[in-house]
Amino acid sequence: MEQKGVQLDRETFSCSICLDLLKDPVTLPCGHNYCMECIKAHWDGQDGTGVYSCPQCRKRFIPRPVLDKNTMLAALVEELKKTGLQAAPADHCYAGPEDVACDVCTGRKLKAVKSCLVCLASYCEKHLQPHYDAAPLKKHKLVNPSKKLQENICSLHDEVMKIFCRTDRQIICYLCSVEEHKDHDTVSAAAERTERQRELEGSRGNVQQKIQDRQKDVKLLQQEVEDINQSAEKTLEGNEKLFTQLMSLLQERSRDVKQEVRSQQETQVSRVKELQEKLEQEIAELKRKDAELEQLSHTEDHNEFLHNYPSVSALSEPTDSSSIHIRPLTYFQDVTAAVSEVRDKLQQVLDEEWKKISVSVKEVDVLLSQPEPKTRAGFLRYSQEITLDPNTANRKMLLSDGNRKATRMNHNQSYSDHPDRFSRCFQVLSRESLTGRCYFEVERRGGGVDVAVAYKNINRTGSWMESVFGRNDKSWSLNCSNNSFWFNNIETPVSGPPSSRVGVYLDHSAGTLSFYSVSETMTLLHRVQTTFTQPLHAGLLIYSSGSTAEFVRVR
């Protein structure tokens, strides 16, 4: 147990640089202890930086601290050395097959506690003591026990290798430097180590910076996970309420239909029963009349017969039964047909809208958005066919070629009234909504053409500023003729010549909208980085009469 206690003390009073017992111990302002020569050598390597740090806690000191020997700690270390020498070696102190044995011990060798790079030998605690006591030996470099000491001996000259050949990038002895490596760029191994040590510190700094950067990325991803989970839960909760409201609305309409059918049922049954009662009363009256007529027919007195006949034979006006039509099980058939039609229409709407919902869910992009394509072939991967919605077209806009082409006319077209129609501005929106990543191209002929995207709720009948593309916060517009971009009534000049074909790339979730001039190459005209809060629709604005713009089919 005593030997174990001594070993613990050795670790406590060891220098973390040379890993040996402290020699001329000094204490830094941060509280850590080192051999005076070890910390001086360490700081000598930092002289070029002007900043000196503790090898353990990395605390920095400016200027370089003045070091004084810690006499109390030195006395404790000396006492520890004596205690360690007096302790009898236990079985576990002897060298085993995997241990480095003391080169001085005879018989059963003890474990080496240090190896000397000058002596090229390993020593146990007892035989290492001269290196602490003898002045010449104190300058030797001691390291943790090593089995590779002989690798420091030159195989050609049997000399210690202390020189580094920078030309051949290898360690050599002094004889090699004057023979095989003559005229090579050589320095001492210590000098080369110092140089590489500086590089190592720089590399460590880079690695540590990358670690910090990656840790920040990990935190961002952790936050992303929390945000995704919160958003998903909030969406599910909101959708649950919406579907509950939808089902409640259907149940309410079901109750309304049921109530109306029951009310009409009661009304019609009451009418039928009322007529039924009236007819039954007539039957009873007719039966009574029939009995009177029968009785009159048996009267033997001719005068009495003739006297009573006029009153007995007179009949009351019968109820008209010609309007009674029996239609078993068909009275409310039209109601069932109407409800069935509503169901079919609702199913159609759900099928169409469900595709949009499904696309919106699949377009959720957790990680970094896909990089924008560089070539037209890359953009065409996201191509989407666009058709124009006649219900949005201004009356002076003629749609043709399957509603892909718009022409500005001088006279009104025969469009019916519709709340989605632009009344003041010569423009039109697409049927299709744009979400996720999509790309389309517009070919123009003539001047005064804008290619735009807009929210569906852009004003249709308000002032020109509220409705025209690019003059409000609900639309983004590129003027292809004047090379200018408009958003929220702010104009941004666009470089490059006017383009007859414009490509538009949208990454809705990433908030990227890019306009390109399309020719043999893709030339970026303008890019927008924002946050889109709704699905977008493609739009065309044509100022000049006779000018046309067409959504090109690209595949």
Protein backbone atom coordinates (compact mmCIF):
# COMPACT_ATOMS: atom_id res chain seq x y z
CA MET A 1 0.00 0.00 0.00
CA GLU A 2 2.97 2.34 0.73
CA GLN A 3 4.33 1.90 -2.81
CA LYS A 4 0.92 2.77 -4.28
CA GLY A 5 0.82 5.95 -2.24
CA VAL A 6 4.30 6.91 -3.48
CA GLN A 7 3.20 6.37 -7.09
CA LEU A 8 0.25 8.69 -6.61
CA ASP A 9 2.58 11.33 -5.17
CA ARG A 10 4.89 11.01 -8.18
CA GLU A 11 2.00 11.80 -10.54
CA THR A 12 1.04 14.79 -8.42
CA PHE A 13 4.55 16.24 -8.48
CA SER A 14 5.36 15.47 -12.13
CA CYS A 15 5.88 18.01 -14.91
CA SER A 16 3.23 17.64 -17.66
CA ILE A 17 5.83 18.58 -20.31
CA CYS A 18 8.65 16.11 -19.58
CA LEU A 19 6.42 13.78 -17.50
CA ASP A 20 9.20 13.48 -14.95
CA LEU A 21 9.42 14.64 -11.34
CA LEU A 22 9.60 18.41 -11.17
CA LYS A 23 13.13 19.84 -11.40
CA ASP A 24 13.51 23.40 -10.15
CA PRO A 25 9.72 23.65 -10.01
CA VAL A 26 8.03 26.94 -10.87
CA THR A 27 4.36 27.87 -10.46
CA LEU A 28 2.56 29.87 -13.18
CA PRO A 29 -0.03 32.57 -12.33
CA CYS A 30 -2.76 30.07 -13.27
CA GLY A 31 -1.54 27.66 -10.55
CA HIS A 32 0.02 24.90 -12.71
CA ASN A 33 3.56 23.69 -12.00
CA TYR A 34 6.42 22.87 -14.40
CA CYS A 35 10.13 22.29 -14.48
CA MET A 36 11.77 25.68 -15.00
CA GLU A 37 13.72 24.52 -18.08
CA CYS A 38 10.66 22.78 -19.58
CA ILE A 39 8.39 25.82 -19.43
CA LYS A 40 11.20 28.11 -20.63
CA ALA A 41 11.78 25.87 -23.66
CA HIS A 42 8.05 25.80 -24.34
CA TRP A 43 7.77 29.58 -24.21
CA ASP A 44 10.91 30.05 -26.30
CA GLY A 45 8.95 28.40 -29.09
CA GLN A 46 6.22 31.03 -28.66
CA ASP A 47 8.54 34.05 -28.75
CA GLY A 48 7.44 34.98 -32.26
CA THR A 49 3.79 35.35 -31.23
CA GLY A 50 4.25 37.60 -28.20
CA VAL A 51 1.64 35.53 -26.34
CA TYR A 52 2.62 32.90 -23.77
CA SER A 53 0.19 30.22 -22.63
CA CYS A 54 -0.05 27.45 -20.05
CA PRO A 55 0.29 24.03 -21.79
CA GLN A 56 -2.47 22.59 -19.59
CA CYS A 57 -5.26 25.19 -19.27
CA ARG A 58 -4.18 27.34 -22.29
CA LYS A 59 -4.49 30.54 -20.25
CA ARG A 60 -2.54 33.30 -21.99
CA PHE A 61 -0.07 35.70 -20.37
CA ILE A 62 1.12 39.02 -21.74
CA PRO A 63 3.97 39.84 -21.20
CA ARG A 64 5.99 36.69 -20.52
CA PRO A 65 5.88 35.98 -16.77
CA VAL A 66 9.07 36.12 -14.69
CA LEU A 67 9.66 32.66 -13.19
CA ASP A 68 10.92 32.03 -9.66
CA LYS A 69 11.68 28.67 -8.14
CA ASN A 70 8.99 27.35 -5.81
CA THR A 71 11.22 26.34 -2.88
CA MET A 72 8.47 24.63 -0.88
CA LEU A 73 7.45 22.48 -3.85
CA ALA A 74 11.13 21.69 -4.56
CA ALA A 75 11.54 20.46 -0.98
CA LEU A 76 8.48 18.23 -1.32
CA VAL A 77 9.82 16.73 -4.54
CA GLU A 78 13.18 15.95 -2.91
CA GLU A 79 11.40 14.28 -0.01
CA LEU A 80 9.36 12.25 -2.47
CA LYS A 81 12.54 11.07 -4.21
CA LYS A 82 13.96 9.81 -0.90
CA THR A 83 10.68 8.09 0.00
CA GLY A 84 10.53 6.45 -3.39
CA LEU A 85 14.10 5.17 -3.13
CA GLN A 86 13.48 3.67 0.30
CA ALA A 87 10.33 1.83 -0.80
CA ALA A 88 10.90 -1.82 -1.57
CA PRO A 89 9.87 -2.81 -5.10
CA ALA A 90 6.67 -4.78 -5.29
CA ASP A 91 6.07 -7.56 -7.79
CA HIS A 92 4.25 -5.24 -10.14
CA CYS A 93 7.40 -3.03 -10.31
CA TYR A 94 9.36 -5.72 -12.18
CA ALA A 95 9.37 -5.57 -15.97
CA GLY A 96 7.08 -7.91 -17.84
CA PRO A 97 7.05 -8.89 -21.55
CA GLU A 98 5.17 -5.73 -22.54
CA ASP A 99 7.18 -3.36 -20.35
CA VAL A 100 10.43 -1.47 -20.95
CA ALA A 101 13.08 -2.94 -18.64
CA CYS A 102 15.86 -1.03 -16.92
CA ASP A 103 19.10 -1.44 -18.87
CA VAL A 104 21.26 -1.22 -15.69
CA CYS A 105 19.46 -3.75 -13.48
CA THR A 106 21.01 -7.21 -13.23
CA GLY A 107 19.06 -10.34 -12.53
CA ARG A 108 15.36 -9.65 -12.48
CA LYS A 109 15.01 -6.24 -14.06
CA LEU A 110 12.72 -3.52 -12.77
CA LYS A 111 10.41 -1.49 -15.00
CA ALA A 112 12.03 1.56 -16.51
CA VAL A 113 10.45 4.85 -15.45
CA LYS A 114 12.36 6.98 -17.96
CA SER A 115 14.43 6.63 -21.10
CA CYS A 116 17.33 8.97 -21.82
CA LEU A 117 17.65 10.20 -25.41
CA VAL A 118 21.32 11.08 -24.80
CA CYS A 119 22.39 7.85 -23.12
CA LEU A 120 20.02 5.83 -25.29
CA ALA A 121 19.19 3.73 -22.26
CA SER A 122 16.19 3.19 -19.99
CA TYR A 123 16.33 3.39 -16.21
CA CYS A 124 14.30 2.30 -13.22
CA GLU A 125 13.73 4.75 -10.38
CA LYS A 126 16.93 3.75 -8.57
CA HIS A 127 19.28 3.87 -11.55
CA LEU A 128 17.67 7.09 -12.83
CA GLN A 129 18.71 8.97 -9.69
CA PRO A 130 22.14 10.07 -11.05
CA HIS A 131 20.32 12.00 -13.78
CA TYR A 132 18.76 14.08 -11.00
CA ASP A 133 21.92 14.45 -8.91
CA ALA A 134 24.89 14.72 -11.32
CA ALA A 135 25.15 18.13 -12.97
CA PRO A 136 26.23 16.79 -16.44
CA LEU A 137 23.37 14.27 -16.48
CA LYS A 138 20.75 16.84 -15.54
CA LYS A 139 21.03 18.23 -19.07
CA HIS A 140 20.05 14.93 -20.66
CA LYS A 141 16.63 14.63 -22.27
CA LEU A 142 14.42 12.21 -20.36
CA VAL A 143 11.22 10.83 -21.88
CA ASN A 144 8.65 8.17 -21.03
CA PRO A 145 10.05 4.63 -21.28
CA SER A 146 10.56 3.69 -24.94
CA LYS A 147 11.46 0.44 -26.69
CA LYS A 148 12.48 2.37 -29.80
CA LEU A 149 15.64 4.00 -28.49
CA GLN A 150 17.78 2.05 -30.93
CA GLU A 151 15.89 3.66 -33.79
CA ASN A 152 17.80 6.82 -32.87
CA ILE A 153 21.08 5.08 -33.83
CA CYS A 154 22.30 5.43 -37.42
CA SER A 155 22.42 1.98 -39.03
CA LEU A 156 25.39 3.02 -41.20
CA HIS A 157 27.65 4.72 -38.66
CA ASP A 158 26.31 3.49 -35.32
CA GLU A 159 26.04 7.11 -34.16
CA VAL A 160 23.16 8.95 -32.49
CA MET A 161 20.99 10.71 -35.08
CA LYS A 162 20.57 14.35 -34.04
CA ILE A 163 20.45 16.05 -37.44
CA PHE A 164 17.49 16.46 -39.80
CA CYS A 165 18.06 16.58 -43.57
CA ARG A 166 15.40 18.85 -45.05
CA THR A 167 16.43 17.85 -48.57
CA ASP A 168 15.64 14.17 -48.05
CA ARG A 169 13.20 14.69 -45.17
CA GLN A 170 14.91 12.24 -42.81
CA ILE A 171 16.88 12.13 -39.53
CA ILE A 172 20.63 11.45 -39.88
CA CYS A 173 23.81 11.39 -37.78
CA TYR A 174 26.67 13.89 -38.04
CA LEU A 175 28.72 11.50 -40.23
CA CYS A 176 25.80 11.23 -42.69
CA SER A 177 25.74 15.04 -42.89
CA VAL A 178 29.35 15.15 -44.15
CA GLU A 179 29.13 12.09 -46.37
CA GLU A 180 25.88 10.86 -47.98
CA HIS A 181 24.04 14.14 -47.26
CA LYS A 182 26.88 16.53 -48.00
CA ASP A 183 25.71 19.93 -49.34
CA HIS A 184 22.13 19.09 -48.30
CA ASP A 185 20.01 21.49 -46.29
CA THR A 186 20.47 20.20 -42.77
CA VAL A 187 19.53 21.49 -39.32
CA SER A 188 19.51 20.03 -35.85
CA ALA A 189 16.62 17.75 -35.06
CA ALA A 190 15.75 20.10 -32.19
CA ALA A 191 15.57 23.09 -34.55
CA GLU A 192 13.43 21.18 -37.00
CA ARG A 193 11.18 20.05 -34.15
CA THR A 194 10.80 23.69 -33.04
CA GLU A 195 9.83 24.71 -36.59
CA ARG A 196 7.37 21.85 -36.98
CA GLN A 197 6.07 22.56 -33.49
CA ARG A 198 5.09 26.05 -34.61
CA GLU A 199 3.33 24.55 -37.62
CA LEU A 200 1.66 22.04 -35.34
CA GLU A 201 0.33 24.84 -33.14
CA GLY A 202 -1.03 26.55 -36.24
CA SER A 203 -2.60 23.29 -37.40
CA ARG A 204 -4.09 22.76 -33.97
CA GLY A 205 -5.48 26.28 -34.10
CA ASN A 206 -7.11 25.48 -37.45
CA VAL A 207 -8.43 22.16 -36.16
CA GLN A 208 -9.78 23.79 -33.00
CA GLN A 209 -11.45 26.50 -35.10
CA LYS A 210 -13.05 23.81 -37.27
CA ILE A 211 -14.18 22.01 -34.11
CA GLN A 212 -15.82 25.22 -32.92
CA ASP A 213 -17.41 25.76 -36.33
CA ARG A 214 -18.73 22.19 -36.40
CA GLN A 215 -20.01 22.52 -32.84
CA LYS A 216 -21.90 25.64 -33.93
CA ASP A 217 -23.27 23.67 -36.90
CA VAL A 218 -24.33 20.86 -34.56
CA LYS A 219 -26.13 23.38 -32.33
CA LEU A 220 -27.82 24.86 -35.40
CA LEU A 221 -28.93 21.39 -36.48
CA GLN A 222 -30.18 20.63 -32.98
CA GLN A 223 -32.17 23.87 -33.12
CA GLU A 224 -33.35 22.85 -36.59
CA VAL A 225 -34.64 19.55 -35.20
CA GLU A 226 -36.52 21.42 -32.47
CA ASP A 227 -37.93 23.87 -35.01
CA ILE A 228 -39.00 21.06 -37.34
CA ASN A 229 -40.71 19.20 -34.51
CA GLN A 230 -42.44 22.36 -33.27
CA SER A 231 -43.51 23.31 -36.78
CA ALA A 232 -44.79 19.80 -37.51
CA GLU A 233 -46.74 19.66 -34.25
CA LYS A 234 -48.17 23.14 -34.82
CA THR A 235 -49.12 22.20 -38.38
CA LEU A 236 -50.76 18.95 -37.29
CA GLU A 237 -52.64 20.76 -34.54
CA GLY A 238 -53.81 23.45 -36.97
CA ASN A 239 -54.77 20.90 -39.61
CA GLU A 240 -56.64 18.85 -37.02
CA LYS A 241 -58.71 21.94 -36.20
CA LEU A 242 -59.30 22.66 -39.90
CA PHE A 243 -60.41 19.10 -40.65
CA THR A 244 -62.57 19.15 -37.53
CA GLN A 245 -64.16 22.37 -38.77
CA LEU A 246 -64.62 20.82 -42.21
CA MET A 247 -66.28 17.72 -40.75
CA SER A 248 -68.37 19.93 -38.46
CA LEU A 249 -69.46 21.94 -41.50
CA LEU A 250 -70.44 18.76 -43.35
CA GLN A 251 -72.31 17.46 -40.31
CA GLU A 252 -74.08 20.81 -40.02
CA ARG A 253 -75.09 20.66 -43.68
CA SER A 254 -76.21 17.07 -43.17
CA ARG A 255 -78.42 18.20 -40.26
CA ASP A 256 -79.79 21.06 -42.38
CA VAL A 257 -80.73 18.69 -45.20
CA LYS A 258 -82.25 16.25 -42.72
CA GLN A 259 -84.25 19.03 -41.07
CA GLU A 260 -85.52 20.35 -44.40
CA VAL A 261 -86.46 16.85 -45.60
CA ARG A 262 -88.27 16.14 -42.33
CA SER A 263 -90.06 19.49 -42.49
CA GLN A 264 -91.14 18.90 -46.08
CA GLN A 265 -92.10 15.36 -45.17
CA GLU A 266 -94.41 16.60 -42.40
CA THR A 267 -95.89 19.28 -44.66
CA GLN A 268 -96.64 16.92 -47.53
CA VAL A 269 -97.92 14.12 -45.26
CA SER A 270 -100.22 16.67 -43.56
CA ARG A 271 -101.56 17.77 -46.93
CA VAL A 272 -102.14 14.18 -48.02
CA LYS A 273 -103.88 13.28 -44.76
CA GLU A 274 -106.04 16.41 -45.00
CA LEU A 275 -107.14 15.36 -48.50
CA GLN A 276 -107.56 11.79 -47.29
CA GLU A 277 -109.88 12.92 -44.46
CA LYS A 278 -111.89 15.05 -46.88
CA LEU A 279 -112.33 12.14 -49.26
CA GLU A 280 -113.32 9.83 -46.41
CA GLN A 281 -115.97 12.40 -45.36
CA GLU A 282 -117.29 12.45 -48.94
CA ILE A 283 -117.43 8.67 -48.95
CA ALA A 284 -119.49 8.70 -45.75
CA GLU A 285 -121.79 11.39 -47.24
CA LEU A 286 -122.20 9.40 -50.44
CA LYS A 287 -123.00 6.24 -48.52
CA ARG A 288 -125.68 8.15 -46.56
CA LYS A 289 -127.04 9.54 -49.84
CA ASP A 290 -127.03 6.06 -51.34
CA ALA A 291 -129.12 4.77 -48.39
CA GLU A 292 -131.65 7.64 -48.82
CA LEU A 293 -131.93 6.93 -52.53
CA GLU A 294 -132.42 3.25 -51.86
CA GLN A 295 -135.15 4.05 -49.33
CA LEU A 296 -136.82 6.48 -51.78
CA SER A 297 -136.76 3.82 -54.46
CA HIS A 298 -138.99 1.62 -52.30
CA THR A 299 -141.64 4.35 -51.66
CA GLU A 300 -145.06 3.20 -53.03
CA ASP A 301 -146.73 6.60 -52.86
CA HIS A 302 -146.05 8.33 -56.17
CA ASN A 303 -146.77 11.76 -54.83
CA GLU A 304 -144.35 11.31 -51.91
CA PHE A 305 -141.64 9.97 -54.28
CA LEU A 306 -141.95 12.94 -56.59
CA HIS A 307 -142.03 15.36 -53.70
CA ASN A 308 -138.79 14.02 -52.05
CA TYR A 309 -136.80 13.11 -55.15
CA PRO A 310 -135.33 16.56 -55.92
CA SER A 311 -133.80 16.99 -52.46
CA VAL A 312 -132.62 13.40 -52.11
CA SER A 313 -131.04 13.16 -55.56
CA ALA A 314 -129.05 16.42 -55.25
CA LEU A 315 -125.28 15.73 -54.80
CA SER A 316 -122.62 18.09 -53.36
CA GLU A 317 -119.61 19.13 -55.48
CA PRO A 318 -117.05 16.29 -55.28
CA THR A 319 -113.34 16.89 -54.43
CA ASP A 320 -111.06 17.05 -57.48
CA SER A 321 -108.75 14.03 -57.31
CA SER A 322 -107.21 14.43 -60.73
CA SER A 323 -104.03 16.01 -59.17
CA ILE A 324 -103.24 12.95 -57.11
CA HIS A 325 -100.16 11.17 -58.58
CA ILE A 326 -98.66 8.16 -56.93
CA ARG A 327 -94.79 8.14 -57.18
CA PRO A 328 -93.62 5.46 -54.76
CA LEU A 329 -90.09 6.08 -53.34
CA THR A 330 -89.28 8.94 -55.75
CA TYR A 331 -90.50 12.01 -53.88
CA PHE A 332 -87.06 13.05 -52.50
CA GLN A 333 -84.95 11.50 -55.24
CA ASP A 334 -83.87 14.95 -56.51
CA VAL A 335 -82.50 15.77 -53.03
CA THR A 336 -80.35 12.63 -53.08
CA ALA A 337 -79.14 13.51 -56.56
CA ALA A 338 -78.24 17.06 -55.46
CA VAL A 339 -76.31 15.80 -52.41
CA SER A 340 -74.56 13.24 -54.61
CA GLU A 341 -73.50 16.03 -56.97
CA VAL A 342 -72.11 18.03 -54.04
CA ARG A 343 -70.18 14.94 -52.90
CA ASP A 344 -68.69 14.45 -56.37
CA LYS A 345 -67.65 18.12 -56.60
CA LEU A 346 -66.14 18.02 -53.11
CA GLN A 347 -64.26 14.84 -54.01
CA GLN A 348 -62.90 16.54 -57.12
CA VAL A 349 -61.77 19.59 -55.13
CA LEU A 350 -60.16 17.39 -52.49
CA ASP A 351 -58.30 15.39 -55.16
CA GLU A 352 -56.97 18.55 -56.82
CA GLU A 353 -56.05 20.33 -53.61
CA TRP A 354 -54.57 17.20 -52.04
CA LYS A 355 -51.91 17.15 -54.75
CA LYS A 356 -50.88 20.67 -53.72
CA ILE A 357 -50.88 19.68 -50.03
CA SER A 358 -48.76 16.61 -50.78
CA VAL A 359 -46.30 18.64 -52.86
CA SER A 360 -46.06 21.26 -50.10
CA VAL A 361 -45.22 18.56 -47.54
CA LYS A 362 -42.61 16.94 -49.79
CA GLU A 363 -41.01 20.30 -50.54
CA VAL A 364 -40.06 20.82 -46.89
CA ASP A 365 -36.26 21.03 -47.10
CA VAL A 366 -34.53 20.62 -43.75
CA LEU A 367 -30.91 20.99 -44.74
CA LEU A 368 -29.28 23.52 -46.97
CA SER A 369 -31.18 24.20 -50.17
CA GLN A 370 -29.97 22.66 -53.43
CA PRO A 371 -27.43 24.85 -55.24
CA GLU A 372 -28.83 26.79 -58.18
CA PRO A 373 -28.10 25.04 -61.51
CA LYS A 374 -25.28 26.39 -63.67
CA THR A 375 -26.41 25.18 -67.10
CA ARG A 376 -29.70 25.29 -69.01
CA ALA A 377 -29.84 21.49 -68.88
CA GLY A 378 -29.66 21.75 -65.08
CA PHE A 379 -32.52 24.28 -65.02
CA LEU A 380 -34.65 22.15 -67.35
CA ARG A 381 -34.72 19.41 -64.69
CA TYR A 382 -37.15 21.69 -62.83
CA SER A 383 -39.15 22.86 -65.87
CA GLN A 384 -42.88 23.35 -65.34
CA GLU A 385 -45.47 23.87 -68.06
CA ILE A 386 -47.40 27.10 -67.57
CA THR A 387 -50.87 27.99 -68.90
CA LEU A 388 -52.65 31.31 -68.47
CA ASP A 389 -55.93 31.67 -66.60
CA PRO A 390 -58.55 33.41 -68.84
CA ASN A 391 -60.49 34.47 -65.73
CA THR A 392 -57.56 36.75 -64.74
CA ALA A 393 -56.83 38.24 -68.20
CA ASN A 394 -57.46 41.94 -68.79
CA ARG A 395 -60.08 42.42 -71.52
CA LYS A 396 -57.43 43.73 -73.92
CA MET A 397 -55.34 40.56 -73.54
CA LEU A 398 -55.92 37.87 -76.20
CA LEU A 399 -54.95 34.36 -75.11
CA SER A 400 -54.02 31.71 -77.70
CA ASP A 401 -51.98 28.55 -78.32
CA GLY A 402 -53.66 26.63 -75.55
CA ASN A 403 -53.62 29.67 -73.24
CA ARG A 404 -49.82 29.78 -73.28
CA LYS A 405 -49.55 32.94 -75.40
CA ALA A 406 -50.81 36.46 -74.62
CA THR A 407 -51.16 39.33 -77.12
CA ARG A 408 -51.98 42.94 -76.25
CA MET A 409 -54.97 44.07 -78.37
CA ASN A 410 -56.52 47.49 -79.04
CA HIS A 411 -60.08 46.34 -78.45
CA ASN A 412 -61.75 44.37 -75.66
CA GLN A 413 -62.14 40.63 -75.89
CA SER A 414 -65.42 38.88 -75.13
CA TYR A 415 -64.62 37.79 -71.60
CA SER A 416 -67.38 37.31 -69.06
CA ASP A 417 -67.31 39.17 -65.75
CA HIS A 418 -65.15 37.51 -63.12
CA PRO A 419 -63.83 38.71 -59.72
CA ASP A 420 -60.29 37.47 -60.58
CA ARG A 421 -60.01 39.60 -63.74
CA PHE A 422 -57.51 42.50 -63.83
CA SER A 423 -59.61 45.53 -64.68
CA ARG A 424 -56.98 48.30 -64.93
CA CYS A 425 -53.66 46.63 -65.83
CA PHE A 426 -52.89 44.80 -69.10
CA GLN A 427 -51.76 41.62 -67.38
CA VAL A 428 -52.69 37.99 -66.70
CA LEU A 429 -51.76 35.25 -64.18
CA SER A 430 -51.11 31.53 -64.64
CA ARG A 431 -53.51 28.79 -63.62
CA GLU A 432 -50.73 26.84 -61.95
CA SER A 433 -49.37 27.81 -58.55
CA LEU A 434 -45.59 27.70 -58.11
CA THR A 435 -44.03 26.05 -55.05
CA GLY A 436 -40.84 24.12 -54.43
CA ARG A 437 -38.22 24.35 -57.19
CA CYS A 438 -39.49 25.17 -60.68
CA TYR A 439 -38.30 26.77 -63.91
CA PHE A 440 -40.06 28.26 -66.95
CA GLU A 441 -39.15 30.34 -70.00
CA VAL A 442 -40.96 33.22 -71.70
CA GLU A 443 -40.40 34.23 -75.34
CA ARG A 444 -41.40 37.82 -76.19
CA ARG A 445 -41.96 39.68 -79.43
CA GLY A 446 -42.21 43.45 -79.38
CA GLY A 447 -41.59 45.89 -76.55
CA GLY A 448 -43.21 46.68 -73.26
CA VAL A 449 -43.25 43.16 -71.80
CA ASP A 450 -42.79 42.28 -68.12
CA VAL A 451 -42.26 38.73 -66.83
CA ALA A 452 -43.43 38.45 -63.24
CA VAL A 453 -44.46 36.24 -60.34
CA ALA A 454 -47.17 37.25 -57.88
CA TYR A 455 -49.28 36.06 -54.97
CA LYS A 456 -52.81 35.05 -55.90
CA ASN A 457 -54.29 37.70 -53.59
CA ILE A 458 -52.79 40.61 -55.55
CA ASN A 459 -55.39 43.35 -56.05
CA ARG A 460 -57.43 42.96 -59.28
CA THR A 461 -59.63 46.06 -59.35
CA GLY A 462 -57.84 48.60 -57.17
CA SER A 463 -55.53 51.42 -58.17
CA TRP A 464 -52.75 50.94 -60.72
CA MET A 465 -50.13 50.86 -57.95
CA GLU A 466 -52.05 48.17 -56.07
CA SER A 467 -52.54 45.95 -59.10
CA VAL A 468 -49.64 46.26 -61.55
CA PHE A 469 -46.81 43.76 -61.23
CA GLY A 470 -43.77 45.03 -59.32
CA ARG A 471 -45.36 48.15 -57.84
CA ASN A 472 -46.51 46.46 -54.61
CA ASP A 473 -45.26 43.92 -52.07
CA LYS A 474 -47.23 41.04 -53.62
CA SER A 475 -45.37 40.75 -56.94
CA TRP A 476 -41.86 40.73 -58.47
CA SER A 477 -41.42 41.86 -62.07
CA LEU A 478 -38.64 42.03 -64.70
CA ASN A 479 -39.09 44.56 -67.52
CA CYS A 480 -37.51 42.73 -70.47
CA SER A 481 -37.35 45.82 -72.70
CA ASN A 482 -35.91 48.44 -70.33
CA ASN A 483 -33.76 45.98 -68.35
CA SER A 484 -35.10 46.90 -64.92
CA PHE A 485 -36.46 44.93 -62.00
CA TRP A 486 -39.38 46.12 -59.86
CA PHE A 487 -40.58 45.18 -56.39
CA ASN A 488 -42.71 47.25 -54.01
CA ASN A 489 -42.44 50.18 -56.45
CA ILE A 490 -38.61 50.19 -56.19
CA GLU A 491 -36.73 49.95 -59.49
CA THR A 492 -33.37 48.16 -59.72
CA PRO A 493 -31.34 48.51 -62.94
CA VAL A 494 -30.39 45.24 -64.67
CA SER A 495 -27.12 44.92 -66.59
CA GLY A 496 -26.87 43.33 -70.03
CA PRO A 497 -28.73 43.79 -73.32
CA PRO A 498 -32.54 43.37 -73.53
CA SER A 499 -33.44 39.68 -73.76
CA SER A 500 -36.02 38.12 -76.09
CA ARG A 501 -36.17 34.92 -74.00
CA VAL A 502 -36.19 35.03 -70.22
CA GLY A 503 -35.78 32.03 -67.93
CA VAL A 504 -37.21 32.20 -64.42
CA TYR A 505 -35.95 29.88 -61.65
CA LEU A 506 -37.78 29.68 -58.32
CA ASP A 507 -36.72 27.88 -55.14
CA HIS A 508 -39.76 28.72 -53.03
CA SER A 509 -38.59 27.18 -49.73
CA ALA A 510 -35.13 28.78 -50.05
CA GLY A 511 -36.68 32.15 -50.97
CA THR A 512 -34.67 32.41 -54.20
CA LEU A 513 -36.06 33.96 -57.41
CA SER A 514 -33.70 34.34 -60.39
CA PHE A 515 -34.19 35.82 -63.86
CA TYR A 516 -31.87 34.70 -66.68
CA SER A 517 -31.29 35.76 -70.27
CA VAL A 518 -31.49 32.50 -72.24
CA SER A 519 -29.28 31.99 -75.30
CA GLU A 520 -26.44 29.54 -75.82
CA THR A 521 -25.51 30.32 -72.24
CA MET A 522 -27.50 31.33 -69.16
CA THR A 523 -26.77 34.95 -68.17
CA LEU A 524 -28.03 36.01 -64.75
CA LEU A 525 -30.01 39.25 -64.95
CA HIS A 526 -31.27 39.58 -61.41
CA ARG A 527 -31.64 37.43 -58.29
CA VAL A 528 -33.95 37.99 -55.32
CA GLN A 529 -33.37 36.50 -51.86
CA THR A 530 -36.44 36.80 -49.64
CA THR A 531 -39.06 34.76 -47.77
CA PHE A 532 -42.16 33.75 -49.72
CA THR A 533 -45.24 33.41 -47.51
CA GLN A 534 -47.66 32.05 -50.14
CA PRO A 535 -47.57 30.02 -53.37
CA LEU A 536 -46.70 32.16 -56.40
CA HIS A 537 -48.25 32.43 -59.88
CA ALA A 538 -46.42 33.33 -63.08
CA GLY A 539 -47.62 36.55 -64.72
CA LEU A 540 -47.30 38.58 -67.94
CA LEU A 541 -47.67 42.36 -68.24
CA ILE A 542 -47.80 43.78 -71.81
CA TYR A 543 -47.83 47.57 -72.28
CA SER A 544 -47.43 47.88 -76.06
CA SER A 545 -50.26 47.05 -78.44
CA GLY A 546 -49.38 44.13 -80.75
CA SER A 547 -46.62 42.78 -78.49
CA THR A 548 -46.79 39.12 -77.47
CA ALA A 549 -45.34 36.90 -74.76
CA GLU A 550 -45.48 33.11 -74.70
CA PHE A 551 -44.63 30.47 -72.12
CA VAL A 552 -42.32 28.15 -74.09
CA ARG A 553 -42.68 24.40 -73.83
CA VAL A 554 -39.22 23.24 -72.73
CA ARG A 555 -38.16 19.69 -72.08
